[in-house]
Amino acid sequence: MYTTNMYEGMLAETITLSGNDSQLINAYLARPLGAGPVPGIVLVHHMPGWDEWYREATRKFAHQGYAAVSPNLYFRAGHGTPEDVAAKVRGDGGIPDDQAVGDIEGAMLYLRSLPYLNGKVGVFGTCSGGRHAFLTSCRVQGFDAVVECWGGRVVMTEADLDANHPVAPIDYTKDLSCPILGLFGEEDHSPSPEQVDLHEKELKKHGKSYEFHRYPGAGHGFFYYNRPNYRQQQAVDGWEKIFAFLGKYLASG
């Protein structure tokens, strides 16, 4: 609990870490100062790119007591404004799922190498980052909790599959290695309420530990305070649920 006489300190900086195929990529790290131990969290950015909102979210997790790292999944597309880099990635048909999984795994292994980690690491993502967070927690061992916020294209039709995205993430559900929290807007179209139903049905089928919350009056990206789709009440409640969920699964070493 916060009191006004507490000391607080935070370190936040750009770093490099070993991503897919051991290639060095850049990432943003934020952590509370002190010896720890603290839990770790990987933040997986959305399709708009490795942007300012994800910098702020990384620092938000550090403020809450996490060693937080957000890898730049678009590193190989070159550098520039997040909008320009994201436009290039979209023009190329998105990044390969295998590459994203490798980069996110590399971020998790980086956190596990830190001497002040408590031994627990979660993964958080919104939009395409929610999809990648779920996909990676199914395909990689080492995560203790996953937070998927309105992950689009977890459920995919045959027509949606391509060389970069050969398997729908939902088809990996049986391999999910940790509890999952899902937050969704009832007015979203990607994922639609029907797709969220299918997602939940598959989790139940395989006996996975999950917690889904669906918000009336909210569409896609309702956490993004700088966009018209922001919904203050639903976003505040969603953040409270995220930190309660992660506190349950990541707090102890």
Foldseek 3Di string as FASTA:
>chain_A
DDDPPDDWAKDKDKDWWQFAPRDIFIKIWMATDDLAQFAEEEEEEALLFPADVVSVVRNVVRRVGYTYMYTGLLRVQDDDHSNVSSVSCVVVVHAALSRLLRRRVRVLVVLVPDNNYQQAYEYEYFACSLQSRLLNLLVDPRHAEYERELHFQLPDDPVPADPRRNDRVLVSLLRRDYEYEYEAEQAEVRVHPVVVVVSVVSNVVNVHHYHYDYHYPAYGPCLPPVDPRHDVVSNVVVVVVVVVVCCVGGVHD
